[in-house]
Amino acid sequence: MLWGNIYYVYMARKLAYKEKRGDVCTMPYGINTPGAFAFIFVKIGRVPIAIVALIIGTALGWATSTNEAQDVRDASKLVKPYAPVFPVQGMFENMNRLGPYLSIIIPTGISIAIGTIQCVESAKRAGDFYPTREAMFADGVGTILASLFGSILGMTVYIGHPAYKRMGARQAYSVINCLAYAPLCFFGIIALFIRIIAVVAVNPVIIFIGLFMCAETLAITPPRHYIAFLLGLTPVVADWARGTIINGVAVAYLNVTLPNVDFAQNVTPHITDFSYHGLSNLAGGSLLQCILITAILMYMIDRKFIRGALWSFLAGLLSFFGLIHSSNLGILYKQTDDGWRFTVGYAMMILLFILCEIAQRWKWIEGPESEPDDLSSEEWHEWNRMQQSNKESQRF
C-alpha cells in the first residue's frame, strides 16, 4: 500500500508537470472496495447507498444475533502492534505444492494485468494519459514487495479513477488512503471491523457492485458484443455451481460414511453423468475461459477472423495442458483425457476462421467491423472531443 500509493502520486505529479495541468488525478491503488464505493457514490447520487446498506445490514445483523459480542471481544484482543514479517523461506519451501493451483494462479495474474491495462485506459479516457508500462511496473513491484512481507494478495490499481476525478480528487487522496490503511494493517484493526460489520450486509453490496460494473460495461459496449459479454460469464457461473455441488454434497457425505474419505478426491472422479461432466469442463480454469470465450466471440462477430483464429489457437494450447476445461494439469493426450478433445475442437474453429478469412478476401463475406472503440486512447479522446464540440454547436 505504501509503495503503490506513493509511486502513483509520483506518476501523477510527473504527468501534471509535463502537461502543466492542475487537475491530474492519481489512479487509485490497493483494495478494490473503496473505488467501487466511489463509483457508486458518483453514479447513483450524493447519498452513498453502499454505506447506508452496510449500516442497516449491520444493525439487522446485531438485532437478529447473526453477530455475537463474544466474537467482537475475541477480535479486540488482536488489536495490538504487529511488526513486519519476512516469510521468504516458507514461501520457497512450499513451491512444490503450486501445481494443482496453477489453473487459478495464472488466470488470476492475467486478469490482474488486464485490469491494470483497463484502469489505465479508463484514466486516459478521463483525460489523464498515464503510461501503461510504468503502471504495470508499479503494480508488479508492489505485489513482489507485499509477498516478501507474507501477503497472499496481488496489489494493483483498481476501478474508480473517473469517479474520483469527477468528485474533485487530485493526488492528496491517495496519500490519505495510504495513511488510513497503514494503522488498520499494523494494529490488527481489520479483524475487529470484520466482526463488527455483518457479513450478510457486505455480500449484497459486493454483488450489487458487480452487477453495476457489468451494467456500466454494457453501457459502453456495442450492442453486437452483448452475446459475447454474456456468454463470457458462463464459466465462472459453472465454477460456482460445481463448487457448490462438491462442497454441499461433501458435507452430507461425511455425515453418512467414513470421515477419512474425501468426497472431492475419491468420489467426484467417478461421476459419469454427462451433465456434471460438461459442467466440470466448463468450470475448469474459469477465469481464463471467460477471457478466451469473450475474445473469440467478439472477433467472430466483428468478422476479424485472423484474430479469432489466434485466440482459438491459444485456447487449444491451454486446453492441451489442462489450464482450461480441466481440473488436472499436464499433457492431456490420453484416451480418457478431455484436454486433447477440446484442442481438436479449437483446431476446427481455427480452420473455420481461416476459411472465413479467405471468403472475406474474395468479397464473399462482408468486411470487418470498425468503430471508435477500435481506436487508441489518444484517438478516442480526440474523437470524443469532436463529438462534444458537435453537440455544443448543434445546441446553438
Protein backbone atom coordinates (compact mmCIF):
# COMPACT_ATOMS: atom_id res chain seq x y z
CA MET A 1 0.00 0.00 0.00
CA LEU A 2 2.74 2.45 0.94
CA TRP A 3 4.77 1.77 -2.18
CA GLY A 4 1.92 1.87 -4.67
CA ASN A 5 0.11 4.94 -3.40
CA ILE A 6 3.30 6.95 -3.13
CA TYR A 7 4.53 5.85 -6.56
CA TYR A 8 1.23 6.66 -8.24
CA VAL A 9 1.29 10.10 -6.64
CA TYR A 10 4.76 10.50 -8.16
CA MET A 11 3.36 9.47 -11.56
CA ALA A 12 0.52 11.97 -11.22
CA ARG A 13 2.88 14.78 -10.24
CA LYS A 14 5.13 13.95 -13.16
CA LEU A 15 2.17 14.00 -15.56
CA ALA A 16 0.88 17.28 -14.12
CA TYR A 17 4.31 18.88 -14.53
CA LYS A 18 4.68 17.55 -18.07
CA GLU A 19 1.28 18.78 -19.26
CA LYS A 20 1.23 21.86 -16.99
CA ARG A 21 -2.17 20.93 -15.55
CA GLY A 22 -3.50 21.05 -12.03
CA ASP A 23 -6.41 18.64 -12.46
CA VAL A 24 -4.45 15.39 -12.79
CA CYS A 25 -5.99 12.68 -10.61
CA THR A 26 -3.95 9.82 -9.17
CA MET A 27 -5.09 6.33 -10.10
CA PRO A 28 -6.42 4.53 -7.00
CA TYR A 29 -4.25 1.69 -5.75
CA GLY A 30 -4.74 -1.16 -3.32
CA ILE A 31 -8.00 -2.80 -2.31
CA ASN A 32 -10.82 -2.56 -4.82
CA THR A 33 -13.73 -1.80 -2.47
CA PRO A 34 -13.13 1.95 -1.94
CA GLY A 35 -13.05 2.58 -5.67
CA ALA A 36 -16.26 0.65 -6.15
CA PHE A 37 -17.93 2.65 -3.40
CA ALA A 38 -16.73 5.88 -5.00
CA PHE A 39 -18.05 4.61 -8.32
CA ILE A 40 -21.50 4.03 -6.83
CA PHE A 41 -21.32 7.34 -4.94
CA VAL A 42 -20.91 9.30 -8.16
CA LYS A 43 -23.24 7.28 -10.37
CA ILE A 44 -26.20 6.91 -8.02
CA GLY A 45 -26.12 10.28 -6.34
CA ARG A 46 -24.80 12.23 -3.42
CA VAL A 47 -26.06 9.66 -0.89
CA PRO A 48 -23.59 6.78 -0.51
CA ILE A 49 -26.10 3.94 -0.81
CA ALA A 50 -23.48 1.28 -0.11
CA ILE A 51 -22.61 2.83 3.26
CA VAL A 52 -26.29 3.06 4.17
CA ALA A 53 -26.75 -0.60 3.24
CA LEU A 54 -23.79 -1.60 5.41
CA ILE A 55 -25.13 0.34 8.40
CA ILE A 56 -28.66 -1.04 8.10
CA GLY A 57 -27.42 -4.56 7.41
CA THR A 58 -25.07 -4.47 10.37
CA ALA A 59 -27.85 -3.20 12.63
CA LEU A 60 -30.10 -6.04 11.49
CA GLY A 61 -27.24 -8.50 11.94
CA TRP A 62 -26.85 -7.50 15.57
CA ALA A 63 -30.61 -7.40 16.11
CA THR A 64 -31.02 -10.96 14.81
CA SER A 65 -27.95 -12.32 16.66
CA THR A 66 -26.07 -13.00 13.43
CA ASN A 67 -23.22 -11.07 15.02
CA GLU A 68 -22.13 -12.03 18.50
CA ALA A 69 -20.50 -9.90 21.15
CA GLN A 70 -18.06 -12.68 22.05
CA ASP A 71 -16.61 -12.61 18.54
CA VAL A 72 -16.03 -8.87 18.87
CA ARG A 73 -14.35 -9.34 22.26
CA ASP A 74 -12.10 -12.04 20.80
CA ALA A 75 -11.21 -9.81 17.84
CA SER A 76 -10.49 -6.87 20.12
CA LYS A 77 -7.75 -8.92 21.77
CA LEU A 78 -5.98 -9.00 18.40
CA VAL A 79 -5.75 -5.20 18.26
CA LYS A 80 -2.10 -4.59 19.06
CA PRO A 81 1.06 -3.58 17.19
CA TYR A 82 2.36 -6.12 14.67
CA ALA A 83 5.91 -5.99 13.40
CA PRO A 84 6.55 -6.78 9.72
CA VAL A 85 7.45 -10.38 8.95
CA PHE A 86 9.56 -11.78 6.12
CA PRO A 87 8.46 -15.41 5.47
CA VAL A 88 10.65 -15.78 2.38
CA GLN A 89 11.98 -19.17 3.40
CA GLY A 90 8.49 -20.51 3.99
CA MET A 91 7.43 -19.30 0.55
CA PHE A 92 10.09 -21.31 -1.26
CA GLU A 93 9.56 -24.38 0.92
CA ASN A 94 6.05 -24.75 -0.49
CA MET A 95 6.78 -24.05 -4.15
CA ASN A 96 6.32 -27.74 -4.98
CA ARG A 97 2.68 -27.52 -3.91
CA LEU A 98 1.70 -24.91 -6.50
CA GLY A 99 0.93 -27.37 -9.31
CA PRO A 100 -2.76 -28.04 -8.59
CA TYR A 101 -3.41 -24.31 -8.23
CA LEU A 102 -1.77 -23.08 -11.44
CA SER A 103 -5.11 -23.06 -13.25
CA ILE A 104 -6.19 -20.44 -10.70
CA ILE A 105 -2.89 -18.59 -10.21
CA ILE A 106 -2.14 -17.99 -13.90
CA PRO A 107 -5.57 -16.63 -14.93
CA THR A 108 -5.70 -14.54 -11.76
CA GLY A 109 -2.36 -12.98 -12.67
CA ILE A 110 -3.53 -12.41 -16.23
CA SER A 111 -6.79 -10.85 -15.07
CA ILE A 112 -4.88 -8.51 -12.73
CA ALA A 113 -2.61 -7.44 -15.59
CA ILE A 114 -5.60 -6.89 -17.86
CA GLY A 115 -7.28 -4.97 -15.06
CA THR A 116 -4.30 -2.63 -14.84
CA ILE A 117 -4.45 -2.00 -18.58
CA GLN A 118 -8.20 -1.34 -18.36
CA CYS A 119 -7.72 1.11 -15.49
CA VAL A 120 -5.01 2.97 -17.41
CA GLU A 121 -7.27 3.15 -20.47
CA SER A 122 -10.12 4.36 -18.25
CA ALA A 123 -7.88 7.09 -16.85
CA LYS A 124 -6.86 8.10 -20.37
CA ARG A 125 -10.48 8.45 -21.40
CA ALA A 126 -10.98 10.67 -18.36
CA GLY A 127 -8.15 12.88 -19.62
CA ASP A 128 -5.10 11.58 -17.69
CA PHE A 129 -2.68 9.79 -20.01
CA TYR A 130 -0.60 7.52 -17.78
CA PRO A 131 1.98 5.19 -19.38
CA THR A 132 0.71 1.62 -19.30
CA ARG A 133 4.15 0.06 -18.95
CA GLU A 134 5.03 2.15 -15.91
CA ALA A 135 1.69 1.35 -14.25
CA MET A 136 2.25 -2.38 -14.72
CA PHE A 137 5.78 -1.98 -13.37
CA ALA A 138 4.43 -0.26 -10.25
CA ASP A 139 1.83 -2.98 -9.71
CA GLY A 140 4.37 -5.75 -10.20
CA VAL A 141 6.86 -4.25 -7.76
CA GLY A 142 4.07 -3.66 -5.25
CA THR A 143 2.95 -7.29 -5.46
CA ILE A 144 6.52 -8.56 -5.04
CA LEU A 145 7.10 -6.32 -2.03
CA ALA A 146 3.81 -7.43 -0.48
CA SER A 147 4.68 -11.11 -0.98
CA LEU A 148 8.01 -10.62 0.76
CA PHE A 149 6.04 -9.48 3.79
CA GLY A 150 3.74 -12.51 3.63
CA SER A 151 0.82 -11.07 1.68
CA ILE A 152 -1.14 -13.54 -0.45
CA LEU A 153 -2.87 -10.76 -2.39
CA GLY A 154 -1.71 -9.01 -5.52
CA MET A 155 -1.51 -5.22 -5.38
CA THR A 156 -2.89 -3.25 -8.28
CA VAL A 157 -4.70 -0.15 -9.40
CA TYR A 158 -8.45 -0.55 -9.33
CA ILE A 159 -11.53 0.88 -10.97
CA GLY A 160 -12.57 4.31 -9.79
CA HIS A 161 -10.28 6.93 -11.35
CA PRO A 162 -13.04 8.69 -13.37
CA ALA A 163 -15.30 8.71 -10.31
CA TYR A 164 -12.61 10.15 -8.06
CA LYS A 165 -11.76 12.78 -10.66
CA ARG A 166 -15.40 13.84 -11.02
CA MET A 167 -15.52 14.28 -7.24
CA GLY A 168 -12.56 16.65 -7.48
CA ALA A 169 -9.82 14.32 -6.22
CA ARG A 170 -6.27 15.02 -7.33
CA GLN A 171 -3.19 13.50 -5.63
CA ALA A 172 -3.63 14.05 -1.90
CA TYR A 173 -6.43 11.49 -1.58
CA SER A 174 -4.02 8.70 -2.48
CA VAL A 175 -1.66 9.71 0.33
CA ILE A 176 -4.61 9.89 2.74
CA ASN A 177 -5.74 6.45 1.59
CA CYS A 178 -2.27 5.09 2.27
CA LEU A 179 -2.07 6.67 5.73
CA ALA A 180 -5.56 5.44 6.62
CA TYR A 181 -4.87 1.81 5.75
CA ALA A 182 -1.47 1.63 7.43
CA PRO A 183 -2.75 1.62 11.05
CA LEU A 184 -5.54 -0.80 10.12
CA CYS A 185 -2.94 -3.30 8.95
CA PHE A 186 -0.18 -2.73 11.51
CA PHE A 187 -2.52 -2.85 14.52
CA GLY A 188 -4.91 -5.66 13.54
CA ILE A 189 -7.95 -3.38 13.42
CA ILE A 190 -9.32 -5.00 10.26
CA ALA A 191 -10.16 -8.19 12.18
CA LEU A 192 -12.21 -6.12 14.61
CA PHE A 193 -14.08 -4.39 11.78
CA ILE A 194 -14.90 -7.75 10.22
CA ARG A 195 -16.51 -8.91 13.47
CA ILE A 196 -18.45 -5.69 13.97
CA ILE A 197 -19.81 -5.37 10.42
CA ALA A 198 -22.27 -8.11 9.48
CA VAL A 199 -21.03 -10.30 6.64
CA VAL A 200 -24.60 -10.63 5.39
CA ALA A 201 -24.55 -6.87 4.84
CA VAL A 202 -21.29 -6.93 2.89
CA ASN A 203 -22.15 -9.73 0.46
CA PRO A 204 -25.16 -8.00 -1.16
CA VAL A 205 -23.09 -4.84 -1.61
CA ILE A 206 -20.37 -6.82 -3.37
CA ILE A 207 -22.96 -8.45 -5.63
CA PHE A 208 -24.54 -5.08 -6.35
CA ILE A 209 -21.15 -3.60 -7.21
CA GLY A 210 -20.50 -6.46 -9.61
CA LEU A 211 -23.88 -6.04 -11.29
CA PHE A 212 -23.42 -2.29 -11.50
CA MET A 213 -20.00 -2.69 -13.10
CA CYS A 214 -21.50 -5.13 -15.61
CA ALA A 215 -24.22 -2.61 -16.40
CA GLU A 216 -21.64 0.14 -16.92
CA THR A 217 -19.61 -2.17 -19.14
CA LEU A 218 -22.65 -2.91 -21.27
CA ALA A 219 -23.39 0.81 -21.49
CA ILE A 220 -20.13 1.40 -23.40
CA THR A 221 -20.17 -1.93 -25.24
CA PRO A 222 -21.51 -2.09 -28.81
CA PRO A 223 -24.83 -3.98 -28.76
CA ARG A 224 -23.48 -6.60 -31.14
CA HIS A 225 -21.00 -7.67 -28.43
CA TYR A 226 -23.65 -8.32 -25.79
CA ILE A 227 -23.82 -12.03 -26.58
CA ALA A 228 -20.04 -12.34 -26.20
CA PHE A 229 -20.18 -10.48 -22.90
CA LEU A 230 -22.94 -12.69 -21.50
CA LEU A 231 -21.52 -15.99 -22.71
CA GLY A 232 -18.14 -14.95 -21.34
CA LEU A 233 -19.65 -15.02 -17.85
CA THR A 234 -20.83 -18.64 -18.06
CA PRO A 235 -17.53 -20.30 -16.99
CA VAL A 236 -17.47 -18.52 -13.62
CA VAL A 237 -21.14 -19.42 -13.10
CA ALA A 238 -20.28 -23.04 -13.88
CA ASP A 239 -17.33 -22.87 -11.49
CA TRP A 240 -19.60 -21.56 -8.75
CA ALA A 241 -22.15 -24.31 -9.44
CA ARG A 242 -19.51 -27.04 -9.41
CA GLY A 243 -18.04 -25.75 -6.15
CA THR A 244 -21.48 -25.56 -4.57
CA ILE A 245 -22.28 -29.13 -5.61
CA ILE A 246 -18.98 -30.53 -4.36
CA ASN A 247 -18.99 -28.65 -1.06
CA GLY A 248 -22.65 -29.28 -0.32
CA VAL A 249 -22.61 -32.99 -1.12
CA ALA A 250 -19.23 -33.46 0.57
CA VAL A 251 -20.62 -32.23 3.88
CA ALA A 252 -23.58 -34.59 3.62
CA TYR A 253 -21.28 -37.42 2.52
CA LEU A 254 -19.08 -37.05 5.58
CA ASN A 255 -22.12 -37.43 7.82
CA VAL A 256 -23.07 -40.84 6.43
CA THR A 257 -19.76 -42.50 5.67
CA LEU A 258 -16.20 -42.78 6.87
CA PRO A 259 -14.80 -39.36 7.85
CA ASN A 260 -11.38 -40.07 6.31
CA VAL A 261 -12.78 -40.39 2.77
CA ASP A 262 -12.51 -37.14 0.84
CA PHE A 263 -15.53 -36.68 -1.40
CA ALA A 264 -13.90 -34.25 -3.83
CA GLN A 265 -10.88 -36.51 -4.42
CA ASN A 266 -12.35 -40.01 -4.07
CA VAL A 267 -15.90 -39.71 -5.36
CA THR A 268 -16.22 -36.92 -7.93
CA PRO A 269 -13.83 -38.58 -10.45
CA HIS A 270 -16.30 -41.47 -10.67
CA ILE A 271 -19.30 -39.31 -11.52
CA THR A 272 -20.04 -40.24 -15.13
CA ASP A 273 -23.23 -38.26 -15.59
CA PHE A 274 -22.87 -36.25 -18.78
CA SER A 275 -24.37 -33.05 -17.37
CA TYR A 276 -21.97 -32.89 -14.43
CA HIS A 277 -19.03 -33.79 -16.66
CA GLY A 278 -19.86 -30.92 -19.00
CA LEU A 279 -20.31 -28.56 -16.08
CA SER A 280 -16.90 -29.57 -14.74
CA ASN A 281 -15.28 -28.96 -18.14
CA LEU A 282 -16.86 -25.53 -18.42
CA ALA A 283 -15.70 -24.67 -14.89
CA GLY A 284 -12.06 -25.69 -15.35
CA GLY A 285 -9.84 -22.60 -15.50
CA SER A 286 -12.95 -20.43 -15.48
CA LEU A 287 -11.17 -17.06 -15.36
CA LEU A 288 -9.09 -17.88 -18.42
CA GLN A 289 -12.12 -19.28 -20.19
CA CYS A 290 -14.01 -16.03 -19.62
CA ILE A 291 -11.26 -14.11 -21.40
CA LEU A 292 -10.91 -16.59 -24.25
CA ILE A 293 -14.60 -17.15 -24.95
CA THR A 294 -15.34 -13.43 -24.93
CA ALA A 295 -12.42 -12.62 -27.24
CA ILE A 296 -13.21 -15.40 -29.72
CA LEU A 297 -16.88 -14.45 -29.94
CA MET A 298 -16.13 -10.74 -30.25
CA TYR A 299 -13.78 -11.27 -33.17
CA MET A 300 -16.21 -13.70 -34.74
CA ILE A 301 -18.99 -11.12 -34.51
CA ASP A 302 -16.72 -8.38 -35.86
CA ARG A 303 -15.60 -10.66 -38.70
CA LYS A 304 -11.95 -10.27 -37.70
CA PHE A 305 -11.18 -13.88 -38.44
CA ILE A 306 -7.39 -13.88 -38.12
CA ARG A 307 -7.61 -12.54 -34.58
CA GLY A 308 -10.29 -15.10 -33.79
CA ALA A 309 -8.01 -17.85 -35.10
CA LEU A 310 -5.13 -16.64 -32.91
CA TRP A 311 -7.31 -16.65 -29.80
CA SER A 312 -8.61 -20.11 -30.72
CA PHE A 313 -5.03 -21.34 -31.07
CA LEU A 314 -4.25 -20.03 -27.59
CA ALA A 315 -7.37 -21.71 -26.18
CA GLY A 316 -6.45 -25.01 -27.82
CA LEU A 317 -2.92 -24.83 -26.44
CA LEU A 318 -4.13 -24.13 -22.91
CA SER A 319 -6.67 -26.95 -23.19
CA PHE A 320 -3.98 -29.44 -24.14
CA PHE A 321 -2.06 -28.65 -20.96
CA GLY A 322 -5.13 -28.62 -18.72
CA LEU A 323 -5.18 -24.92 -17.89
CA ILE A 324 -8.77 -24.68 -19.11
CA HIS A 325 -11.61 -27.20 -19.46
CA SER A 326 -9.96 -29.45 -16.89
CA SER A 327 -9.17 -29.73 -13.20
CA ASN A 328 -5.91 -31.60 -13.89
CA LEU A 329 -2.67 -30.09 -15.15
CA GLY A 330 -0.36 -31.91 -17.52
CA ILE A 331 -0.19 -33.04 -21.13
CA LEU A 332 -3.73 -34.33 -21.64
CA TYR A 333 -3.34 -36.69 -24.59
CA LYS A 334 -4.69 -39.97 -23.18
CA GLN A 335 -7.93 -41.53 -24.35
CA THR A 336 -9.59 -40.75 -21.03
CA ASP A 337 -8.45 -37.10 -21.04
CA ASP A 338 -10.61 -34.26 -22.27
CA GLY A 339 -7.82 -31.79 -22.98
CA TRP A 340 -6.95 -33.10 -26.43
CA ARG A 341 -10.63 -33.23 -27.35
CA PHE A 342 -11.02 -29.51 -26.73
CA THR A 343 -7.76 -28.89 -28.59
CA VAL A 344 -9.23 -30.65 -31.62
CA GLY A 345 -12.38 -28.58 -31.26
CA TYR A 346 -10.43 -25.33 -31.21
CA ALA A 347 -8.38 -26.54 -34.19
CA MET A 348 -11.63 -26.96 -36.11
CA MET A 349 -12.52 -23.38 -35.16
CA ILE A 350 -9.16 -22.20 -36.48
CA LEU A 351 -9.88 -23.93 -39.78
CA LEU A 352 -13.30 -22.28 -39.90
CA PHE A 353 -11.78 -18.85 -39.25
CA ILE A 354 -9.20 -19.37 -42.00
CA LEU A 355 -11.91 -20.35 -44.49
CA CYS A 356 -13.95 -17.30 -43.50
CA GLU A 357 -10.89 -15.07 -43.91
CA ILE A 358 -10.35 -16.43 -47.43
CA ALA A 359 -14.02 -15.89 -48.25
CA GLN A 360 -13.81 -12.35 -46.88
CA ARG A 361 -10.82 -11.53 -49.08
CA TRP A 362 -12.79 -12.80 -52.07
CA LYS A 363 -15.60 -10.42 -51.04
CA TRP A 364 -17.95 -13.30 -50.30
CA ILE A 365 -18.22 -12.12 -46.68
CA GLU A 366 -18.64 -8.53 -45.56
CA GLY A 367 -15.52 -6.75 -44.29
CA PRO A 368 -14.64 -6.40 -40.59
CA GLU A 369 -16.47 -4.01 -38.30
CA SER A 370 -14.75 -0.75 -37.40
CA GLU A 371 -15.92 1.64 -34.71
CA PRO A 372 -14.41 4.33 -32.47
CA ASP A 373 -13.85 1.64 -29.83
CA ASP A 374 -11.16 0.26 -32.13
CA LEU A 375 -9.17 3.48 -31.79
CA SER A 376 -6.27 4.07 -29.45
CA SER A 377 -6.94 6.09 -26.31
CA GLU A 378 -5.44 9.25 -27.82
CA GLU A 379 -7.51 8.87 -30.99
CA TRP A 380 -10.62 8.08 -28.97
CA HIS A 381 -10.04 11.16 -26.81
CA GLU A 382 -9.83 13.34 -29.91
CA TRP A 383 -12.90 11.67 -31.41
CA ASN A 384 -14.83 12.20 -28.18
CA ARG A 385 -13.77 15.86 -28.06
CA MET A 386 -15.05 16.37 -31.59
CA GLN A 387 -18.34 14.68 -30.69
CA GLN A 388 -18.78 17.01 -27.72
CA SER A 389 -17.97 20.01 -29.89
CA ASN A 390 -20.55 18.93 -32.44
CA LYS A 391 -23.18 18.62 -29.72
CA GLU A 392 -22.36 22.09 -28.44
CA SER A 393 -22.57 23.58 -31.93
CA GLN A 394 -25.91 21.87 -32.58
CA ARG A 395 -27.26 23.26 -29.31
CA PHE A 396 -26.67 26.80 -30.55
